[in-house]
Amino acid sequence: MIEIYWGKPISLVVSPDGDVKTFSTIEQVHYWLREKWPVNDTAQIRAIDRVEAAMECLGTVGDARSAFLGAATTAGFSPFETMDHPIAA
């Protein structure tokens, strides 16, 4: 299987300990939404629908990314880029 690059990777803080998961392909996002997502809600269902549509060239990658980020927010994940990062000494 060939994984499809879907633009700039999205990194999310996925645990209270600060663990970060980076998603660089739409297949990774699809797997996480289907198999590892911590909540079943309408945002997750919408994201799965948008991701699958993009994978089948029936929707845009932009819509899939937006829906994924919306689902991540409702699942309690935070985008890594918006987190406060200590500057290494």
C-alpha atoms as a PDB file:
ATOM      1  CA  MET A   1       0.000   0.000   0.000  1.00  0.00           C
ATOM      2  CA  ILE A   2       1.228   3.464  -0.848  1.00  0.00           C
ATOM      3  CA  GLU A   3       0.608   6.112   1.767  1.00  0.00           C
ATOM      4  CA  ILE A   4      -0.518   9.486   0.469  1.00  0.00           C
ATOM      5  CA  TYR A   5       1.191  12.631   1.748  1.00  0.00           C
ATOM      6  CA  TRP A   6      -1.505  15.083   2.759  1.00  0.00           C
ATOM      7  CA  GLY A   7       0.427  18.285   3.294  1.00  0.00           C
ATOM      8  CA  LYS A   8       2.229  19.631   6.316  1.00  0.00           C
ATOM      9  CA  PRO A   9       2.165  17.014   9.091  1.00  0.00           C
ATOM     10  CA  ILE A  10      -0.218  17.627  11.980  1.00  0.00           C
ATOM     11  CA  SER A  11       1.169  17.019  15.460  1.00  0.00           C
ATOM     12  CA  LEU A  12      -1.147  16.547  18.419  1.00  0.00           C
ATOM     13  CA  VAL A  13      -0.478  16.239  22.126  1.00  0.00           C
ATOM     14  CA  VAL A  14      -2.278  12.956  22.824  1.00  0.00           C
ATOM     15  CA  SER A  15      -1.709  12.409  26.542  1.00  0.00           C
ATOM     16  CA  PRO A  16      -1.592  14.351  29.792  1.00  0.00           C
ATOM     17  CA  ASP A  17       2.121  13.491  29.926  1.00  0.00           C
ATOM     18  CA  GLY A  18       2.718  15.503  26.760  1.00  0.00           C
ATOM     19  CA  ASP A  19       3.132  12.601  24.337  1.00  0.00           C
ATOM     20  CA  VAL A  20       3.016  13.881  20.762  1.00  0.00           C
ATOM     21  CA  LYS A  21       1.752  11.982  17.709  1.00  0.00           C
ATOM     22  CA  THR A  22       2.538  13.335  14.255  1.00  0.00           C
ATOM     23  CA  PHE A  23       0.253  12.503  11.345  1.00  0.00           C
ATOM     24  CA  SER A  24       1.906  12.854   7.950  1.00  0.00           C
ATOM     25  CA  THR A  25      -0.423  10.736   5.784  1.00  0.00           C
ATOM     26  CA  ILE A  26      -4.164  10.451   5.420  1.00  0.00           C
ATOM     27  CA  GLU A  27      -3.903   6.701   6.059  1.00  0.00           C
ATOM     28  CA  GLN A  28      -2.422   7.352   9.519  1.00  0.00           C
ATOM     29  CA  VAL A  29      -5.298   9.685  10.303  1.00  0.00           C
ATOM     30  CA  HIS A  30      -7.843   7.146   9.051  1.00  0.00           C
ATOM     31  CA  TYR A  31      -6.334   4.385  11.202  1.00  0.00           C
ATOM     32  CA  TRP A  32      -6.321   6.560  14.312  1.00  0.00           C
ATOM     33  CA  LEU A  33      -9.892   7.735  13.793  1.00  0.00           C
ATOM     34  CA  ARG A  34     -11.097   4.155  13.307  1.00  0.00           C
ATOM     35  CA  GLU A  35      -8.923   2.227  15.784  1.00  0.00           C
ATOM     36  CA  LYS A  36      -7.376   4.499  18.419  1.00  0.00           C
ATOM     37  CA  TRP A  37      -9.792   7.388  18.873  1.00  0.00           C
ATOM     38  CA  PRO A  38     -10.729   7.840  22.549  1.00  0.00           C
ATOM     39  CA  VAL A  39     -14.318   9.050  21.981  1.00  0.00           C
ATOM     40  CA  ASN A  40     -17.158   8.135  19.658  1.00  0.00           C
ATOM     41  CA  ASP A  41     -18.973  11.334  18.776  1.00  0.00           C
ATOM     42  CA  THR A  42     -20.340  13.215  15.802  1.00  0.00           C
ATOM     43  CA  ALA A  43     -17.010  14.985  15.225  1.00  0.00           C
ATOM     44  CA  GLN A  44     -15.258  11.617  14.862  1.00  0.00           C
ATOM     45  CA  ILE A  45     -17.923  10.329  12.475  1.00  0.00           C
ATOM     46  CA  ARG A  46     -17.732  13.519  10.403  1.00  0.00           C
ATOM     47  CA  ALA A  47     -13.930  13.278  10.283  1.00  0.00           C
ATOM     48  CA  ILE A  48     -14.057   9.642   9.155  1.00  0.00           C
ATOM     49  CA  ASP A  49     -16.545  10.571   6.431  1.00  0.00           C
ATOM     50  CA  ARG A  50     -14.387  13.479   5.202  1.00  0.00           C
ATOM     51  CA  VAL A  51     -11.153  11.460   5.338  1.00  0.00           C
ATOM     52  CA  GLU A  52     -12.679   8.554   3.422  1.00  0.00           C
ATOM     53  CA  ALA A  53     -14.119  10.955   0.830  1.00  0.00           C
ATOM     54  CA  ALA A  54     -10.680  12.501   0.331  1.00  0.00           C
ATOM     55  CA  MET A  55      -9.082   9.053   0.062  1.00  0.00           C
ATOM     56  CA  GLU A  56     -11.555   8.206  -2.713  1.00  0.00           C
ATOM     57  CA  CYS A  57     -11.016  11.592  -4.433  1.00  0.00           C
ATOM     58  CA  LEU A  58     -14.627  12.553  -3.683  1.00  0.00           C
ATOM     59  CA  GLY A  59     -13.692  15.300  -1.233  1.00  0.00           C
ATOM     60  CA  THR A  60     -10.804  17.625  -0.578  1.00  0.00           C
ATOM     61  CA  VAL A  61      -7.823  17.034   1.637  1.00  0.00           C
ATOM     62  CA  GLY A  62      -8.481  20.458   3.157  1.00  0.00           C
ATOM     63  CA  ASP A  63     -11.945  19.352   4.305  1.00  0.00           C
ATOM     64  CA  ALA A  64     -10.463  16.132   5.713  1.00  0.00           C
ATOM     65  CA  ARG A  65      -7.758  18.020   7.624  1.00  0.00           C
ATOM     66  CA  SER A  66     -10.282  20.480   9.026  1.00  0.00           C
ATOM     67  CA  ALA A  67     -12.642  17.715  10.148  1.00  0.00           C
ATOM     68  CA  PHE A  68      -9.730  15.792  11.708  1.00  0.00           C
ATOM     69  CA  LEU A  69      -8.624  18.844  13.697  1.00  0.00           C
ATOM     70  CA  GLY A  70     -12.220  19.403  14.827  1.00  0.00           C
ATOM     71  CA  ALA A  71     -12.473  15.807  16.014  1.00  0.00           C
ATOM     72  CA  ALA A  72      -9.109  16.115  17.760  1.00  0.00           C
ATOM     73  CA  THR A  73     -10.402  19.117  19.696  1.00  0.00           C
ATOM     74  CA  THR A  74     -13.544  17.306  20.863  1.00  0.00           C
ATOM     75  CA  ALA A  75     -11.410  14.292  21.835  1.00  0.00           C
ATOM     76  CA  GLY A  76      -9.296  16.514  24.092  1.00  0.00           C
ATOM     77  CA  PHE A  77      -6.153  16.575  21.965  1.00  0.00           C
ATOM     78  CA  SER A  78      -4.219  19.813  21.518  1.00  0.00           C
ATOM     79  CA  PRO A  79      -2.314  20.872  18.407  1.00  0.00           C
ATOM     80  CA  PHE A  80       1.387  20.688  19.266  1.00  0.00           C
ATOM     81  CA  GLU A  81       2.168  24.009  17.551  1.00  0.00           C
ATOM     82  CA  THR A  82      -0.083  25.965  19.923  1.00  0.00           C
ATOM     83  CA  MET A  83       1.390  24.508  23.080  1.00  0.00           C
ATOM     84  CA  ASP A  84       3.848  26.563  25.135  1.00  0.00           C
ATOM     85  CA  HIS A  85       7.294  25.083  24.614  1.00  0.00           C
ATOM     86  CA  PRO A  86      10.166  25.688  27.002  1.00  0.00           C
ATOM     87  CA  ILE A  87      13.279  26.927  25.253  1.00  0.00           C
ATOM     88  CA  ALA A  88      16.128  24.450  25.552  1.00  0.00           C
ATOM     89  CA  ALA A  89      19.133  25.804  27.389  1.00  0.00           C
END
